[in-house]
Amino acid sequence: MKNELFFSVVVCTYNRVKYLQICIESLFRQTLSKELFEIIIIDDGSTDNTFKLVKAYKRNKKIKFFRIYRYNNRGLSHCRNLAAAVAKGKYIAYIDDDALADKNWLRNAQKYLRKFNNIKGITGPIFPYYIYKKPIWFKDKYETDYKGKTSRYLKPGELILGPNMILERKFIKENDGFSAILGMKAERIFLAEDSKFFEDFWKKNYYDSKLFYGSDIMVYHIIQPYKMKVIYKLKRKFAEGQSYFIKHTNLLFIERAKLFIIVTAYFIYKSFSAILTSVKYKYMQNWIIEKIGPLVFVLGYYSVLLKIPITLKNKSR
């Protein structure tokens, strides 16, 4: 069928109307034929003007296929799974609500997907995009995912990250979708729903890579002011540790015991590293993020292990 939908572009959003507008505009500028993709906006209980904005875009009819769904704080994983259930495209192209796509994002992805018909998932570089002044100490690498200039199949264990994640629709269903116990939910900082999905895939397909990296499939992540603060970076590290424990709850007892020993040894090693390198950093913020951050990760892991109820929230969205 000539005009069969190739992509369903999915944007899951919560209270980010200003950045969502930038994201949607980048999708309207795509060089791929508008007949070949739809846009699905999943509003997960926003209390700002998100729904009003999206309804206005829908009436504009800049895109032939444009749909909106509203839920009440179901969480990012639920929204991604719900989008996959209602999508009509062969591939689901997930992009964050505070990101913008390169104008050739979909066209370049389609190029590889047609050339290599065994690809189940495809990604590309994620670069930071600054609309606010960057602190002198803040490093681009903190918000960059770049796997090189060469387009290639991913190596066993390499992951695809949520802001630039294009997956075959039936591949998502075959792998049971995204874990509902992980991922952001309203203001709660919780992570790893995307990494767990691909880690589970690799466990079953370690030597049979169906995931691909295209160096020209680019997305730019808007770095909001709160993301350039040390306290937020530490919160994320703590949440990563919590998520890391939960990802491994299904392991056998002996495997969980081994993991505990590894994490504890990691904590000891990183503690010595932090002490020995403190004088080598020009900016204390970098030392805290890069050396204290790993220790905070372990504390997050221990908090779930010891059943200490700590929920981290981010109100600056």
Protein backbone atom coordinates (compact mmCIF):
# COMPACT_ATOMS: atom_id res chain seq x y z
CA MET A 1 0.00 0.00 0.00
CA LYS A 2 1.62 3.20 -1.22
CA ASN A 3 0.73 5.50 1.67
CA GLU A 4 0.87 2.97 4.48
CA LEU A 5 2.00 4.64 7.71
CA PHE A 6 5.66 3.90 8.26
CA PHE A 7 6.08 5.63 11.64
CA SER A 8 3.96 6.50 14.62
CA VAL A 9 5.83 9.30 16.38
CA VAL A 10 4.99 9.17 20.09
CA VAL A 11 5.50 12.01 22.56
CA CYS A 12 4.61 11.23 26.17
CA THR A 13 4.29 14.46 28.12
CA TYR A 14 3.63 15.90 31.55
CA ASN A 15 3.56 19.62 32.39
CA ARG A 16 6.12 20.73 29.80
CA VAL A 17 3.97 22.79 27.47
CA LYS A 18 6.78 25.21 26.57
CA TYR A 19 9.16 22.46 25.48
CA LEU A 20 6.43 20.31 23.96
CA GLN A 21 5.71 23.11 21.53
CA ILE A 22 9.35 23.08 20.38
CA CYS A 23 9.21 19.29 20.03
CA ILE A 24 6.03 19.32 17.93
CA GLU A 25 7.34 22.05 15.66
CA SER A 26 10.42 19.92 14.95
CA LEU A 27 8.12 17.06 13.94
CA PHE A 28 6.17 19.31 11.57
CA ARG A 29 9.48 20.16 9.87
CA GLN A 30 10.34 16.56 9.05
CA THR A 31 11.47 16.02 5.46
CA LEU A 32 9.81 12.61 5.30
CA SER A 33 6.48 12.72 3.49
CA LYS A 34 3.66 13.66 5.88
CA GLU A 35 1.71 10.74 4.40
CA LEU A 36 4.15 8.30 5.99
CA PHE A 37 3.87 9.17 9.66
CA GLU A 38 1.42 10.09 12.36
CA ILE A 39 1.95 11.97 15.62
CA ILE A 40 0.52 10.65 18.87
CA ILE A 41 0.62 12.85 21.96
CA ILE A 42 0.05 11.11 25.30
CA ASP A 43 -0.80 13.68 27.97
CA ASP A 44 -0.29 11.99 31.33
CA GLY A 45 -2.35 14.29 33.55
CA SER A 46 -0.75 17.67 32.82
CA THR A 47 -2.13 20.60 34.80
CA ASP A 48 -0.66 23.32 32.58
CA ASN A 49 -1.89 24.29 29.09
CA THR A 50 -0.62 21.12 27.42
CA PHE A 51 -4.02 19.86 26.25
CA LYS A 52 -5.05 23.28 24.95
CA LEU A 53 -1.82 23.57 22.97
CA VAL A 54 -2.12 20.12 21.44
CA LYS A 55 -5.78 20.66 20.49
CA ALA A 56 -4.77 23.86 18.70
CA TYR A 57 -2.10 21.98 16.74
CA LYS A 58 -4.61 19.28 15.82
CA ARG A 59 -7.01 21.88 14.40
CA ASN A 60 -4.18 23.40 12.35
CA LYS A 61 -3.92 20.17 10.33
CA LYS A 62 -0.23 20.65 9.56
CA ILE A 63 0.02 16.90 9.90
CA LYS A 64 -2.64 14.69 8.31
CA PHE A 65 -2.51 12.09 11.08
CA PHE A 66 -2.45 13.65 14.56
CA ARG A 67 -3.98 12.11 17.68
CA ILE A 68 -4.19 12.99 21.38
CA TYR A 69 -4.80 10.74 24.37
CA ARG A 70 -5.17 11.82 27.99
CA TYR A 71 -4.51 9.77 31.10
CA ASN A 72 -4.17 10.56 34.79
CA ASN A 73 -0.60 10.03 35.99
CA ARG A 74 -0.21 6.50 34.68
CA GLY A 75 3.54 6.96 34.33
CA LEU A 76 5.94 7.01 31.39
CA SER A 77 6.09 3.23 30.91
CA HIS A 78 2.30 2.89 30.83
CA CYS A 79 2.05 5.74 28.34
CA ARG A 80 4.65 4.23 26.05
CA ASN A 81 2.87 0.88 26.13
CA LEU A 82 -0.53 2.47 25.54
CA ALA A 83 0.85 4.38 22.58
CA ALA A 84 2.19 1.16 21.07
CA ALA A 85 -1.26 -0.40 21.48
CA VAL A 86 -3.06 2.35 19.54
CA ALA A 87 -0.34 3.19 17.00
CA LYS A 88 -0.93 2.45 13.33
CA GLY A 89 2.63 2.77 12.07
CA LYS A 90 4.95 -0.17 11.49
CA TYR A 91 7.56 1.53 13.70
CA ILE A 92 7.06 3.52 16.90
CA ALA A 93 9.37 6.55 17.03
CA TYR A 94 9.59 7.71 20.65
CA ILE A 95 10.95 11.17 21.40
CA ASP A 96 10.93 13.04 24.71
CA ASP A 97 8.67 16.05 25.18
CA ASP A 98 11.71 18.24 25.87
CA ALA A 99 13.61 17.19 22.77
CA LEU A 100 13.60 18.26 19.14
CA ALA A 101 14.24 16.08 16.15
CA ASP A 102 16.65 16.87 13.34
CA LYS A 103 14.63 17.63 10.21
CA ASN A 104 15.87 14.39 8.60
CA TRP A 105 15.29 12.25 11.71
CA LEU A 106 12.53 10.08 10.25
CA ARG A 107 13.79 10.09 6.66
CA ASN A 108 17.23 8.85 7.70
CA ALA A 109 15.73 6.21 9.98
CA GLN A 110 13.54 4.99 7.14
CA LYS A 111 16.61 4.75 4.89
CA TYR A 112 18.25 2.19 7.19
CA LEU A 113 15.04 0.33 7.99
CA ARG A 114 14.41 -0.25 4.28
CA LYS A 115 18.02 -1.17 3.56
CA PHE A 116 18.31 -3.70 6.41
CA ASN A 117 14.96 -5.40 6.80
CA ASN A 118 15.92 -7.33 9.95
CA ILE A 119 16.22 -4.24 12.18
CA LYS A 120 13.87 -4.31 15.18
CA GLY A 121 15.10 -1.13 16.84
CA ILE A 122 17.12 1.85 15.69
CA THR A 123 18.63 4.89 17.38
CA GLY A 124 21.11 7.67 16.79
CA PRO A 125 23.00 10.43 18.59
CA ILE A 126 21.44 12.49 21.36
CA PHE A 127 23.06 15.88 21.73
CA PRO A 128 22.36 18.61 24.32
CA TYR A 129 20.49 21.69 23.15
CA TYR A 130 20.85 24.84 25.23
CA ILE A 131 18.27 27.60 25.30
CA TYR A 132 19.50 28.72 28.71
CA LYS A 133 22.98 29.80 29.73
CA LYS A 134 25.19 26.84 30.54
CA PRO A 135 27.25 27.01 33.77
CA ILE A 136 30.98 27.19 33.10
CA TRP A 137 31.55 23.84 34.79
CA PHE A 138 28.77 21.93 33.01
CA LYS A 139 30.01 19.36 30.50
CA ASP A 140 28.15 18.44 27.31
CA LYS A 141 28.96 14.79 27.93
CA TYR A 142 26.58 14.76 30.91
CA GLU A 143 23.68 14.94 28.44
CA THR A 144 25.14 13.27 25.34
CA ASP A 145 24.69 9.79 23.92
CA TYR A 146 27.03 9.40 20.96
CA LYS A 147 28.20 6.07 19.60
CA GLY A 148 30.50 7.38 16.91
CA LYS A 149 30.50 8.51 13.28
CA THR A 150 29.96 5.03 11.86
CA SER A 151 26.47 3.63 11.41
CA ARG A 152 26.39 0.01 12.56
CA TYR A 153 24.56 -2.75 14.36
CA LEU A 154 24.79 -2.36 18.12
CA LYS A 155 27.17 -4.60 19.99
CA PRO A 156 25.73 -7.08 22.52
CA GLY A 157 24.70 -5.17 25.61
CA GLU A 158 24.58 -1.70 24.01
CA LEU A 159 21.37 0.14 24.83
CA ILE A 160 18.96 2.47 23.11
CA LEU A 161 17.87 5.47 25.20
CA GLY A 162 14.35 6.84 25.45
CA PRO A 163 14.81 10.29 23.85
CA ASN A 164 15.75 8.70 20.51
CA MET A 165 14.15 5.28 20.34
CA ILE A 166 12.54 3.86 17.19
CA LEU A 167 11.18 0.34 17.55
CA GLU A 168 9.17 -2.03 15.42
CA ARG A 169 5.64 -2.08 16.85
CA LYS A 170 5.37 -5.86 17.02
CA PHE A 171 8.86 -6.04 18.55
CA ILE A 172 7.60 -4.03 21.53
CA LYS A 173 4.71 -6.42 22.05
CA GLU A 174 6.85 -9.52 21.56
CA ASN A 175 9.12 -8.31 24.36
CA ASP A 176 6.24 -7.45 26.74
CA GLY A 177 6.63 -3.70 26.49
CA PHE A 178 8.15 -1.42 29.12
CA SER A 179 8.18 -2.32 32.80
CA ALA A 180 5.33 -0.57 34.61
CA ILE A 181 7.25 -0.48 37.90
CA LEU A 182 10.01 1.64 36.37
CA GLY A 183 10.06 5.03 34.66
CA MET A 184 9.03 8.58 35.52
CA LYS A 185 5.59 9.18 37.00
CA ALA A 186 4.39 12.77 37.44
CA GLU A 187 7.10 14.52 39.53
CA ARG A 188 8.62 11.29 40.81
CA ILE A 189 12.12 10.63 39.54
CA PHE A 190 12.37 6.99 38.57
CA LEU A 191 14.33 5.54 35.70
CA ALA A 192 15.52 2.54 33.69
CA GLU A 193 12.32 1.44 31.92
CA ASP A 194 14.14 1.75 28.60
CA SER A 195 17.40 0.10 29.72
CA LYS A 196 15.52 -2.84 31.27
CA PHE A 197 13.63 -3.43 28.03
CA PHE A 198 16.86 -3.76 26.06
CA GLU A 199 18.74 -5.64 28.76
CA ASP A 200 15.97 -8.24 28.73
CA PHE A 201 16.20 -8.40 24.94
CA TRP A 202 19.96 -9.00 25.04
CA LYS A 203 19.56 -11.82 27.55
CA LYS A 204 17.53 -13.71 24.95
CA ASN A 205 19.38 -12.55 21.82
CA TYR A 206 22.97 -11.97 22.88
CA TYR A 207 24.56 -13.02 19.59
CA ASP A 208 21.75 -11.97 17.27
CA SER A 209 21.78 -8.19 17.09
CA LYS A 210 18.67 -6.65 15.59
CA LEU A 211 19.37 -3.20 16.98
CA PHE A 212 21.02 -0.52 14.85
CA TYR A 213 22.74 2.84 15.31
CA GLY A 214 22.49 5.45 12.55
CA SER A 215 24.94 8.31 13.02
CA ASP A 216 22.62 10.70 11.14
CA ILE A 217 19.44 9.93 13.12
CA MET A 218 19.85 12.88 15.45
CA VAL A 219 17.81 14.24 18.34
CA TYR A 220 18.62 17.28 20.46
CA HIS A 221 17.67 17.24 24.13
CA ILE A 222 16.76 20.61 25.66
CA ILE A 223 18.79 21.07 28.84
CA GLN A 224 16.55 22.88 31.27
CA PRO A 225 18.09 24.92 34.12
CA TYR A 226 17.29 22.34 36.81
CA LYS A 227 19.21 19.70 34.85
CA MET A 228 22.33 21.83 35.14
CA LYS A 229 22.33 21.74 38.94
CA VAL A 230 24.40 19.38 41.05
CA ILE A 231 21.48 18.44 43.28
CA TYR A 232 19.47 17.15 40.31
CA LYS A 233 22.38 15.07 39.07
CA LEU A 234 22.68 13.48 42.52
CA LYS A 235 18.93 12.84 42.67
CA ARG A 236 19.15 11.02 39.33
CA LYS A 237 22.08 8.95 40.57
CA PHE A 238 20.11 7.95 43.66
CA ALA A 239 17.11 7.06 41.49
CA GLU A 240 19.38 5.06 39.16
CA GLY A 241 20.52 3.02 42.15
CA GLN A 242 16.93 2.39 43.22
CA SER A 243 15.98 1.36 39.69
CA TYR A 244 19.06 -0.84 39.39
CA PHE A 245 17.98 -2.87 42.42
CA ILE A 246 14.41 -3.25 41.15
CA LYS A 247 15.63 -4.35 37.71
CA HIS A 248 17.35 -7.31 39.36
CA THR A 249 14.67 -8.45 41.82
CA ASN A 250 13.89 -11.53 39.71
CA LEU A 251 17.38 -12.97 40.08
CA LEU A 252 17.97 -16.11 42.07
CA PHE A 253 19.08 -15.58 45.68
CA ILE A 254 22.69 -16.55 44.94
CA GLU A 255 22.78 -14.13 42.00
CA ARG A 256 21.36 -11.30 44.13
CA ALA A 257 23.93 -12.05 46.84
CA LYS A 258 26.70 -11.89 44.25
CA LEU A 259 25.32 -8.60 42.94
CA PHE A 260 25.27 -7.16 46.48
CA ILE A 261 28.95 -8.04 46.89
CA ILE A 262 29.79 -6.42 43.56
CA VAL A 263 27.88 -3.22 44.41
CA THR A 264 29.51 -3.04 47.85
CA ALA A 265 32.98 -3.51 46.37
CA TYR A 266 32.13 -0.82 43.82
CA PHE A 267 31.19 1.54 46.66
CA ILE A 268 34.50 0.94 48.44
CA TYR A 269 36.51 1.42 45.25
CA LYS A 270 34.67 4.62 44.33
CA SER A 271 35.08 5.98 47.85
CA PHE A 272 38.88 5.72 47.61
CA SER A 273 38.77 7.16 44.08
CA ALA A 274 36.77 10.17 45.32
CA ILE A 275 39.28 10.88 48.08
CA LEU A 276 42.32 10.54 45.85
CA THR A 277 41.01 12.71 43.00
CA SER A 278 39.39 15.60 44.86
CA VAL A 279 42.33 17.95 44.23
CA LYS A 280 42.52 17.16 40.51
CA TYR A 281 39.29 18.87 39.54
CA LYS A 282 39.14 22.50 38.49
CA TYR A 283 35.49 22.75 39.50
CA MET A 284 34.09 21.12 42.61
CA GLN A 285 30.76 20.53 40.85
CA ASN A 286 32.42 18.10 38.42
CA TRP A 287 34.07 16.20 41.27
CA ILE A 288 30.75 15.85 43.10
CA ILE A 289 28.90 14.64 39.98
CA GLU A 290 31.63 12.30 38.73
CA LYS A 291 33.03 10.96 42.01
CA ILE A 292 30.32 11.38 44.63
CA GLY A 293 27.58 10.51 42.13
CA PRO A 294 28.55 6.81 41.99
CA LEU A 295 28.43 6.65 45.80
CA VAL A 296 24.95 8.16 45.76
CA PHE A 297 23.97 5.51 43.19
CA VAL A 298 24.95 2.79 45.68
CA LEU A 299 23.01 4.52 48.46
CA GLY A 300 19.95 4.41 46.21
CA TYR A 301 20.53 0.69 45.70
CA TYR A 302 20.84 0.13 49.46
CA SER A 303 17.69 2.17 50.18
CA VAL A 304 15.54 -0.32 48.26
CA LEU A 305 17.46 -3.31 49.58
CA LEU A 306 16.80 -2.16 53.16
CA LYS A 307 13.21 -1.15 52.30
CA ILE A 308 13.74 2.49 53.25
CA PRO A 309 10.89 4.42 51.58
CA ILE A 310 12.63 7.32 49.83
CA THR A 311 10.81 8.92 46.90
CA LEU A 312 12.63 11.65 44.99
CA LYS A 313 10.62 14.31 43.20
CA ASN A 314 11.46 17.01 40.75
CA LYS A 315 9.09 19.96 40.75
CA SER A 316 10.99 22.02 38.17
CA ARG A 317 9.56 20.59 34.97
